[in-house]
Amino acid sequence: MTIFIRIIVIIVLFFILLHIWTKSRRLRKEIRRLQELPPFATDLLDCYVHFQGYIATPNQHTTPIYQKACAFYLSRIQAKWETKVKKPGKGMQTNTKTLHNESSPSSVIELMDAQGQEVSVDLKEFAPPLRTKSEIVEICPALCAEKVDPKYKKYDVLERWCASQDKVSIYGKLIRDEQGRLWLKHTGYESYPALFLISGQQGQHPKNQISLRQEEMPKAFGFMLVSLMLFICIASFFVV
């Protein structure tokens, strides 16, 4: 019985390691694909391309909370409070309620590269990590003052935006619509990710967006391997 259990443990651990290795290999392949992409050119229609340039759309908007001039924004305020967990549970639970959720009237922005070539992007397709400002406050922002309830104890305030002249790096499928307008679109394939990155912002790098700091993958893999080997030894010792 002891040998049988050890074999089962080893098989399970083998498949866990295989899963980690497969995921690591796939992430490395995706990053290598991004690094080998051709630069943006108007004749690469229906191709997966890498665009580098800046936001040409003027700052037509101002964020409602922090008053940032921008070409596009997302704004949200959530109220937070705690209540007791219903029986038979114990302790407290955090509750949230969205008091304000707003975005720019249009999510389409225009881009231009160093050669003056223009292309359009719908940010709703990319769900990009934009410039961000967030904080937890105890006083509700004036924008939602009429929605205050005595039970609300804190407010989670978040705004995300991009501004005119922001330098961007974009990975997507290049198409031309019926009006002759060029667009960068979502590919529809996970292996060809659609990325919208603002240069100079923390975390704004392809390998960060795809693999959550891919440079740490070898260390993470090694740590998991050592941990699993120790688990095998300990399990074998205690199993009778």
C-alpha atoms as a PDB file:
ATOM      1  CA  MET A   1       0.000   0.000   0.000  1.00  0.00           C
ATOM      2  CA  THR A   2       2.868   2.371   0.816  1.00  0.00           C
ATOM      3  CA  ILE A   3       4.489   1.884  -2.595  1.00  0.00           C
ATOM      4  CA  PHE A   4       1.134   2.392  -4.342  1.00  0.00           C
ATOM      5  CA  ILE A   5       0.533   5.711  -2.543  1.00  0.00           C
ATOM      6  CA  ARG A   6       4.045   6.869  -3.376  1.00  0.00           C
ATOM      7  CA  ILE A   7       3.466   6.087  -7.049  1.00  0.00           C
ATOM      8  CA  ILE A   8       0.201   8.065  -7.025  1.00  0.00           C
ATOM      9  CA  VAL A   9       1.928  11.024  -5.377  1.00  0.00           C
ATOM     10  CA  ILE A  10       4.742  10.964  -7.932  1.00  0.00           C
ATOM     11  CA  ILE A  11       2.268  10.795 -10.842  1.00  0.00           C
ATOM     12  CA  VAL A  12       0.279  13.755  -9.508  1.00  0.00           C
ATOM     13  CA  LEU A  13       3.437  15.781  -8.983  1.00  0.00           C
ATOM     14  CA  PHE A  14       4.642  14.868 -12.467  1.00  0.00           C
ATOM     15  CA  PHE A  15       1.485  16.294 -14.040  1.00  0.00           C
ATOM     16  CA  ILE A  16       1.759  19.450 -11.927  1.00  0.00           C
ATOM     17  CA  LEU A  17       5.328  19.967 -13.115  1.00  0.00           C
ATOM     18  CA  LEU A  18       4.281  19.239 -16.694  1.00  0.00           C
ATOM     19  CA  HIS A  19       1.561  21.904 -16.440  1.00  0.00           C
ATOM     20  CA  ILE A  20       4.021  24.484 -15.070  1.00  0.00           C
ATOM     21  CA  TRP A  21       6.576  23.679 -17.784  1.00  0.00           C
ATOM     22  CA  THR A  22       3.946  23.864 -20.551  1.00  0.00           C
ATOM     23  CA  LYS A  23       2.648  27.214 -19.342  1.00  0.00           C
ATOM     24  CA  SER A  24       6.170  28.619 -19.036  1.00  0.00           C
ATOM     25  CA  ARG A  25       7.028  27.438 -22.558  1.00  0.00           C
ATOM     26  CA  ARG A  26       3.855  28.946 -24.021  1.00  0.00           C
ATOM     27  CA  LEU A  27       4.503  32.324 -22.374  1.00  0.00           C
ATOM     28  CA  ARG A  28       8.079  32.390 -23.661  1.00  0.00           C
ATOM     29  CA  LYS A  29       6.840  31.620 -27.176  1.00  0.00           C
ATOM     30  CA  GLU A  30       4.302  34.477 -27.025  1.00  0.00           C
ATOM     31  CA  ILE A  31       6.952  36.953 -25.895  1.00  0.00           C
ATOM     32  CA  ARG A  32       9.365  35.783 -28.596  1.00  0.00           C
ATOM     33  CA  ARG A  33       6.605  36.243 -31.175  1.00  0.00           C
ATOM     34  CA  LEU A  34       6.092  39.838 -30.037  1.00  0.00           C
ATOM     35  CA  GLN A  35       9.804  40.533 -30.251  1.00  0.00           C
ATOM     36  CA  GLU A  36       9.954  39.232 -33.835  1.00  0.00           C
ATOM     37  CA  LEU A  37       6.936  41.164 -35.156  1.00  0.00           C
ATOM     38  CA  PRO A  38       7.400  43.410 -38.211  1.00  0.00           C
ATOM     39  CA  PRO A  39       7.098  47.156 -37.551  1.00  0.00           C
ATOM     40  CA  PHE A  40       3.843  48.853 -38.466  1.00  0.00           C
ATOM     41  CA  ALA A  41       3.381  49.626 -42.173  1.00  0.00           C
ATOM     42  CA  THR A  42       0.182  50.557 -44.007  1.00  0.00           C
ATOM     43  CA  ASP A  43       0.556  47.699 -46.517  1.00  0.00           C
ATOM     44  CA  LEU A  44       0.526  44.964 -43.822  1.00  0.00           C
ATOM     45  CA  LEU A  45      -3.263  44.601 -43.921  1.00  0.00           C
ATOM     46  CA  ASP A  46      -4.760  41.659 -42.002  1.00  0.00           C
ATOM     47  CA  CYS A  47      -1.376  41.104 -40.331  1.00  0.00           C
ATOM     48  CA  TYR A  48      -0.434  41.063 -36.670  1.00  0.00           C
ATOM     49  CA  VAL A  49       1.790  44.146 -36.287  1.00  0.00           C
ATOM     50  CA  HIS A  50       3.600  46.274 -33.718  1.00  0.00           C
ATOM     51  CA  PHE A  51       2.769  49.994 -33.781  1.00  0.00           C
ATOM     52  CA  GLN A  52       4.857  52.610 -31.983  1.00  0.00           C
ATOM     53  CA  GLY A  53       3.839  56.253 -31.929  1.00  0.00           C
ATOM     54  CA  TYR A  54       1.737  58.664 -29.908  1.00  0.00           C
ATOM     55  CA  ILE A  55      -1.889  59.598 -29.259  1.00  0.00           C
ATOM     56  CA  ALA A  56      -2.900  62.223 -31.823  1.00  0.00           C
ATOM     57  CA  THR A  57      -6.439  62.778 -30.498  1.00  0.00           C
ATOM     58  CA  PRO A  58      -6.516  66.121 -28.635  1.00  0.00           C
ATOM     59  CA  ASN A  59      -7.457  66.314 -24.956  1.00  0.00           C
ATOM     60  CA  GLN A  60     -11.180  66.811 -25.389  1.00  0.00           C
ATOM     61  CA  HIS A  61     -12.151  65.567 -21.920  1.00  0.00           C
ATOM     62  CA  THR A  62     -11.421  66.153 -18.233  1.00  0.00           C
ATOM     63  CA  THR A  63     -11.639  63.318 -15.720  1.00  0.00           C
ATOM     64  CA  PRO A  64     -14.589  63.944 -13.351  1.00  0.00           C
ATOM     65  CA  ILE A  65     -12.738  63.324 -10.072  1.00  0.00           C
ATOM     66  CA  TYR A  66      -9.088  64.330 -10.451  1.00  0.00           C
ATOM     67  CA  GLN A  67      -9.591  66.853 -13.269  1.00  0.00           C
ATOM     68  CA  LYS A  68      -6.958  65.383 -15.620  1.00  0.00           C
ATOM     69  CA  ALA A  69      -7.002  66.590 -19.234  1.00  0.00           C
ATOM     70  CA  CYS A  70      -7.300  63.482 -21.400  1.00  0.00           C
ATOM     71  CA  ALA A  71      -8.340  61.922 -24.679  1.00  0.00           C
ATOM     72  CA  PHE A  72     -10.139  59.033 -22.936  1.00  0.00           C
ATOM     73  CA  TYR A  73     -11.011  58.180 -19.337  1.00  0.00           C
ATOM     74  CA  LEU A  74     -12.699  55.666 -17.041  1.00  0.00           C
ATOM     75  CA  SER A  75     -13.965  56.863 -13.659  1.00  0.00           C
ATOM     76  CA  ARG A  76     -15.376  54.872 -10.742  1.00  0.00           C
ATOM     77  CA  ILE A  77     -16.326  55.394  -7.084  1.00  0.00           C
ATOM     78  CA  GLN A  78     -17.301  52.501  -4.798  1.00  0.00           C
ATOM     79  CA  ALA A  79     -18.646  52.735  -1.257  1.00  0.00           C
ATOM     80  CA  LYS A  80     -17.366  50.177   1.276  1.00  0.00           C
ATOM     81  CA  TRP A  81     -18.718  49.060   4.623  1.00  0.00           C
ATOM     82  CA  GLU A  82     -18.629  45.978   6.847  1.00  0.00           C
ATOM     83  CA  THR A  83     -21.429  43.808   8.191  1.00  0.00           C
ATOM     84  CA  LYS A  84     -21.563  40.635  10.238  1.00  0.00           C
ATOM     85  CA  VAL A  85     -21.567  37.377   8.312  1.00  0.00           C
ATOM     86  CA  LYS A  86     -24.954  35.695   8.446  1.00  0.00           C
ATOM     87  CA  LYS A  87     -25.233  32.643  10.667  1.00  0.00           C
ATOM     88  CA  PRO A  88     -23.918  29.991  10.824  1.00  0.00           C
ATOM     89  CA  GLY A  89     -20.894  31.944   9.612  1.00  0.00           C
ATOM     90  CA  LYS A  90     -18.776  34.124  11.877  1.00  0.00           C
ATOM     91  CA  GLY A  91     -16.813  37.326  11.539  1.00  0.00           C
ATOM     92  CA  MET A  92     -17.242  40.355   9.324  1.00  0.00           C
ATOM     93  CA  GLN A  93     -17.580  40.764   5.562  1.00  0.00           C
ATOM     94  CA  THR A  94     -16.825  43.763   3.352  1.00  0.00           C
ATOM     95  CA  ASN A  95     -19.640  45.089   1.183  1.00  0.00           C
ATOM     96  CA  THR A  96     -19.293  47.374  -1.840  1.00  0.00           C
ATOM     97  CA  LYS A  97     -21.666  49.479  -3.875  1.00  0.00           C
ATOM     98  CA  THR A  98     -20.784  51.374  -7.042  1.00  0.00           C
ATOM     99  CA  LEU A  99     -21.901  54.988  -6.708  1.00  0.00           C
ATOM    100  CA  HIS A 100     -20.301  56.303  -9.877  1.00  0.00           C
ATOM    101  CA  ASN A 101     -19.159  54.563 -13.054  1.00  0.00           C
ATOM    102  CA  GLU A 102     -18.433  56.674 -16.125  1.00  0.00           C
ATOM    103  CA  SER A 103     -16.324  56.637 -19.274  1.00  0.00           C
ATOM    104  CA  SER A 104     -15.639  59.004 -22.148  1.00  0.00           C
ATOM    105  CA  PRO A 105     -18.487  59.374 -24.669  1.00  0.00           C
ATOM    106  CA  SER A 106     -16.257  57.659 -27.256  1.00  0.00           C
ATOM    107  CA  SER A 107     -13.561  55.028 -26.720  1.00  0.00           C
ATOM    108  CA  VAL A 108     -12.011  55.578 -30.180  1.00  0.00           C
ATOM    109  CA  ILE A 109      -8.715  57.465 -30.339  1.00  0.00           C
ATOM    110  CA  GLU A 110      -6.372  58.373 -33.193  1.00  0.00           C
ATOM    111  CA  LEU A 111      -2.679  57.480 -33.234  1.00  0.00           C
ATOM    112  CA  MET A 112       0.265  58.638 -35.330  1.00  0.00           C
ATOM    113  CA  ASP A 113       3.753  57.203 -35.779  1.00  0.00           C
ATOM    114  CA  ALA A 114       7.074  58.964 -36.474  1.00  0.00           C
ATOM    115  CA  GLN A 115       6.418  58.849 -40.235  1.00  0.00           C
ATOM    116  CA  GLY A 116       3.036  60.560 -39.884  1.00  0.00           C
ATOM    117  CA  GLN A 117       1.032  57.401 -40.585  1.00  0.00           C
ATOM    118  CA  GLU A 118      -2.342  57.430 -38.832  1.00  0.00           C
ATOM    119  CA  VAL A 119      -4.331  54.561 -37.375  1.00  0.00           C
ATOM    120  CA  SER A 120      -7.385  54.303 -35.091  1.00  0.00           C
ATOM    121  CA  VAL A 121      -7.967  52.174 -31.988  1.00  0.00           C
ATOM    122  CA  ASP A 122     -11.098  51.351 -30.003  1.00  0.00           C
ATOM    123  CA  LEU A 123      -9.849  51.098 -26.413  1.00  0.00           C
ATOM    124  CA  LYS A 124     -12.834  48.984 -25.369  1.00  0.00           C
ATOM    125  CA  GLU A 125     -11.395  46.157 -27.480  1.00  0.00           C
ATOM    126  CA  PHE A 126      -8.016  46.328 -25.755  1.00  0.00           C
ATOM    127  CA  ALA A 127      -9.039  47.007 -22.119  1.00  0.00           C
ATOM    128  CA  PRO A 128      -5.641  48.644 -21.605  1.00  0.00           C
ATOM    129  CA  PRO A 129      -3.836  49.447 -18.343  1.00  0.00           C
ATOM    130  CA  LEU A 130      -3.902  53.246 -18.648  1.00  0.00           C
ATOM    131  CA  ARG A 131      -2.525  56.020 -16.471  1.00  0.00           C
ATOM    132  CA  THR A 132      -4.094  55.339 -13.087  1.00  0.00           C
ATOM    133  CA  LYS A 133      -4.805  57.187  -9.893  1.00  0.00           C
ATOM    134  CA  SER A 134      -6.619  55.458  -7.038  1.00  0.00           C
ATOM    135  CA  GLU A 135      -7.085  55.906  -3.314  1.00  0.00           C
ATOM    136  CA  ILE A 136      -9.256  54.883  -0.391  1.00  0.00           C
ATOM    137  CA  VAL A 137     -10.845  57.904   1.319  1.00  0.00           C
ATOM    138  CA  GLU A 138     -13.190  58.334   4.267  1.00  0.00           C
ATOM    139  CA  ILE A 139     -15.060  61.320   2.823  1.00  0.00           C
ATOM    140  CA  CYS A 140     -17.151  60.749  -0.279  1.00  0.00           C
ATOM    141  CA  PRO A 141     -16.051  62.844  -3.291  1.00  0.00           C
ATOM    142  CA  ALA A 142     -18.377  65.727  -4.082  1.00  0.00           C
ATOM    143  CA  LEU A 143     -19.366  63.988  -7.326  1.00  0.00           C
ATOM    144  CA  CYS A 144     -21.452  61.481  -5.312  1.00  0.00           C
ATOM    145  CA  ALA A 145     -22.284  63.552  -2.241  1.00  0.00           C
ATOM    146  CA  GLU A 146     -26.039  63.087  -2.757  1.00  0.00           C
ATOM    147  CA  LYS A 147     -25.625  59.266  -2.618  1.00  0.00           C
ATOM    148  CA  VAL A 148     -23.949  59.137   0.798  1.00  0.00           C
ATOM    149  CA  ASP A 149     -25.401  56.697   3.306  1.00  0.00           C
ATOM    150  CA  PRO A 150     -24.459  56.658   7.030  1.00  0.00           C
ATOM    151  CA  LYS A 151     -23.432  52.994   6.743  1.00  0.00           C
ATOM    152  CA  TYR A 152     -20.724  53.798   4.179  1.00  0.00           C
ATOM    153  CA  LYS A 153     -17.352  54.004   5.945  1.00  0.00           C
ATOM    154  CA  LYS A 154     -14.856  54.292   3.082  1.00  0.00           C
ATOM    155  CA  TYR A 155     -14.811  55.076  -0.615  1.00  0.00           C
ATOM    156  CA  ASP A 156     -12.640  53.402  -3.259  1.00  0.00           C
ATOM    157  CA  VAL A 157     -11.850  56.072  -5.860  1.00  0.00           C
ATOM    158  CA  LEU A 158     -10.320  55.098  -9.208  1.00  0.00           C
ATOM    159  CA  GLU A 159      -9.653  56.942 -12.461  1.00  0.00           C
ATOM    160  CA  ARG A 160      -7.794  55.693 -15.543  1.00  0.00           C
ATOM    161  CA  TRP A 161      -6.978  57.804 -18.577  1.00  0.00           C
ATOM    162  CA  CYS A 162      -4.687  58.465 -21.522  1.00  0.00           C
ATOM    163  CA  ALA A 163      -3.742  61.905 -22.813  1.00  0.00           C
ATOM    164  CA  SER A 164      -2.803  63.502 -26.101  1.00  0.00           C
ATOM    165  CA  GLN A 165       0.880  63.022 -27.009  1.00  0.00           C
ATOM    166  CA  ASP A 166       1.250  59.985 -24.748  1.00  0.00           C
ATOM    167  CA  LYS A 167       3.725  57.604 -26.361  1.00  0.00           C
ATOM    168  CA  VAL A 168       2.201  54.190 -26.986  1.00  0.00           C
ATOM    169  CA  SER A 169       3.206  50.720 -28.122  1.00  0.00           C
ATOM    170  CA  ILE A 170       0.416  48.586 -29.585  1.00  0.00           C
ATOM    171  CA  TYR A 171       0.165  44.997 -30.763  1.00  0.00           C
ATOM    172  CA  GLY A 172      -2.857  44.117 -32.893  1.00  0.00           C
ATOM    173  CA  LYS A 173      -4.323  43.189 -36.260  1.00  0.00           C
ATOM    174  CA  LEU A 174      -4.181  45.922 -38.919  1.00  0.00           C
ATOM    175  CA  ILE A 175      -7.322  46.333 -41.054  1.00  0.00           C
ATOM    176  CA  ARG A 176      -8.792  48.940 -43.392  1.00  0.00           C
ATOM    177  CA  ASP A 177     -12.530  49.686 -43.204  1.00  0.00           C
ATOM    178  CA  GLU A 178     -14.871  50.538 -46.084  1.00  0.00           C
ATOM    179  CA  GLN A 179     -14.068  54.230 -45.743  1.00  0.00           C
ATOM    180  CA  GLY A 180     -10.339  53.548 -46.135  1.00  0.00           C
ATOM    181  CA  ARG A 181      -9.595  54.195 -42.454  1.00  0.00           C
ATOM    182  CA  LEU A 182      -6.840  52.074 -40.835  1.00  0.00           C
ATOM    183  CA  TRP A 183      -7.574  50.341 -37.530  1.00  0.00           C
ATOM    184  CA  LEU A 184      -5.666  48.211 -35.042  1.00  0.00           C
ATOM    185  CA  LYS A 185      -8.054  45.515 -33.842  1.00  0.00           C
ATOM    186  CA  HIS A 186      -8.198  42.665 -31.382  1.00  0.00           C
ATOM    187  CA  THR A 187      -6.988  39.492 -33.104  1.00  0.00           C
ATOM    188  CA  GLY A 188      -9.459  37.177 -31.430  1.00  0.00           C
ATOM    189  CA  TYR A 189      -6.660  34.717 -30.630  1.00  0.00           C
ATOM    190  CA  GLU A 190      -5.072  34.310 -27.206  1.00  0.00           C
ATOM    191  CA  SER A 191      -1.745  33.371 -28.792  1.00  0.00           C
ATOM    192  CA  TYR A 192      -1.707  36.749 -30.603  1.00  0.00           C
ATOM    193  CA  PRO A 193      -2.609  39.108 -27.758  1.00  0.00           C
ATOM    194  CA  ALA A 194      -3.960  42.595 -28.413  1.00  0.00           C
ATOM    195  CA  LEU A 195      -1.931  44.963 -26.207  1.00  0.00           C
ATOM    196  CA  PHE A 196      -2.119  48.735 -25.715  1.00  0.00           C
ATOM    197  CA  LEU A 197       0.819  50.001 -23.652  1.00  0.00           C
ATOM    198  CA  ILE A 198       1.661  53.539 -22.569  1.00  0.00           C
ATOM    199  CA  SER A 199       5.431  54.040 -22.614  1.00  0.00           C
ATOM    200  CA  GLY A 200       7.098  54.910 -19.331  1.00  0.00           C
ATOM    201  CA  GLN A 201       4.259  53.721 -17.114  1.00  0.00           C
ATOM    202  CA  GLN A 202       4.951  51.150 -14.397  1.00  0.00           C
ATOM    203  CA  GLY A 203       4.237  47.643 -15.633  1.00  0.00           C
ATOM    204  CA  GLN A 204       3.712  48.816 -19.219  1.00  0.00           C
ATOM    205  CA  HIS A 205       5.779  46.185 -21.002  1.00  0.00           C
ATOM    206  CA  PRO A 206       4.643  43.245 -23.165  1.00  0.00           C
ATOM    207  CA  LYS A 207       6.275  40.603 -20.986  1.00  0.00           C
ATOM    208  CA  ASN A 208       4.630  42.100 -17.889  1.00  0.00           C
ATOM    209  CA  GLN A 209       1.206  42.091 -19.496  1.00  0.00           C
ATOM    210  CA  ILE A 210       1.526  38.556 -20.864  1.00  0.00           C
ATOM    211  CA  SER A 211       3.467  36.621 -18.268  1.00  0.00           C
ATOM    212  CA  LEU A 212       3.396  38.720 -15.083  1.00  0.00           C
ATOM    213  CA  ARG A 213       7.117  39.431 -15.014  1.00  0.00           C
ATOM    214  CA  GLN A 214       8.321  36.651 -17.274  1.00  0.00           C
ATOM    215  CA  GLU A 215      11.922  37.223 -16.179  1.00  0.00           C
ATOM    216  CA  GLU A 216      11.016  35.563 -12.869  1.00  0.00           C
ATOM    217  CA  MET A 217       9.591  32.432 -14.487  1.00  0.00           C
ATOM    218  CA  PRO A 218      12.826  30.378 -14.236  1.00  0.00           C
ATOM    219  CA  LYS A 219      13.152  31.257 -10.546  1.00  0.00           C
ATOM    220  CA  ALA A 220       9.496  30.420  -9.916  1.00  0.00           C
ATOM    221  CA  PHE A 221       9.825  27.129 -11.765  1.00  0.00           C
ATOM    222  CA  GLY A 222      12.928  26.173  -9.791  1.00  0.00           C
ATOM    223  CA  PHE A 223      11.253  27.057  -6.507  1.00  0.00           C
ATOM    224  CA  MET A 224       8.210  24.932  -7.378  1.00  0.00           C
ATOM    225  CA  LEU A 225      10.404  22.003  -8.386  1.00  0.00           C
ATOM    226  CA  VAL A 226      12.392  22.044  -5.129  1.00  0.00           C
ATOM    227  CA  SER A 227       9.194  22.426  -3.081  1.00  0.00           C
ATOM    228  CA  LEU A 228       7.544  19.473  -4.792  1.00  0.00           C
ATOM    229  CA  MET A 229      10.601  17.262  -4.347  1.00  0.00           C
ATOM    230  CA  LEU A 230      10.636  18.085  -0.636  1.00  0.00           C
ATOM    231  CA  PHE A 231       6.941  17.251  -0.475  1.00  0.00           C
ATOM    232  CA  ILE A 232       7.635  13.820  -1.990  1.00  0.00           C
ATOM    233  CA  CYS A 233      10.314  13.123   0.588  1.00  0.00           C
ATOM    234  CA  ILE A 234       8.140  14.234   3.512  1.00  0.00           C
ATOM    235  CA  ALA A 235       5.096  12.312   2.230  1.00  0.00           C
ATOM    236  CA  SER A 236       7.170   9.151   1.774  1.00  0.00           C
ATOM    237  CA  PHE A 237       8.504   9.470   5.321  1.00  0.00           C
ATOM    238  CA  PHE A 238       5.105   9.744   6.995  1.00  0.00           C
ATOM    239  CA  VAL A 239       3.137   7.290   4.873  1.00  0.00           C
ATOM    240  CA  VAL A 240       3.141   3.844   6.437  1.00  0.00           C
END
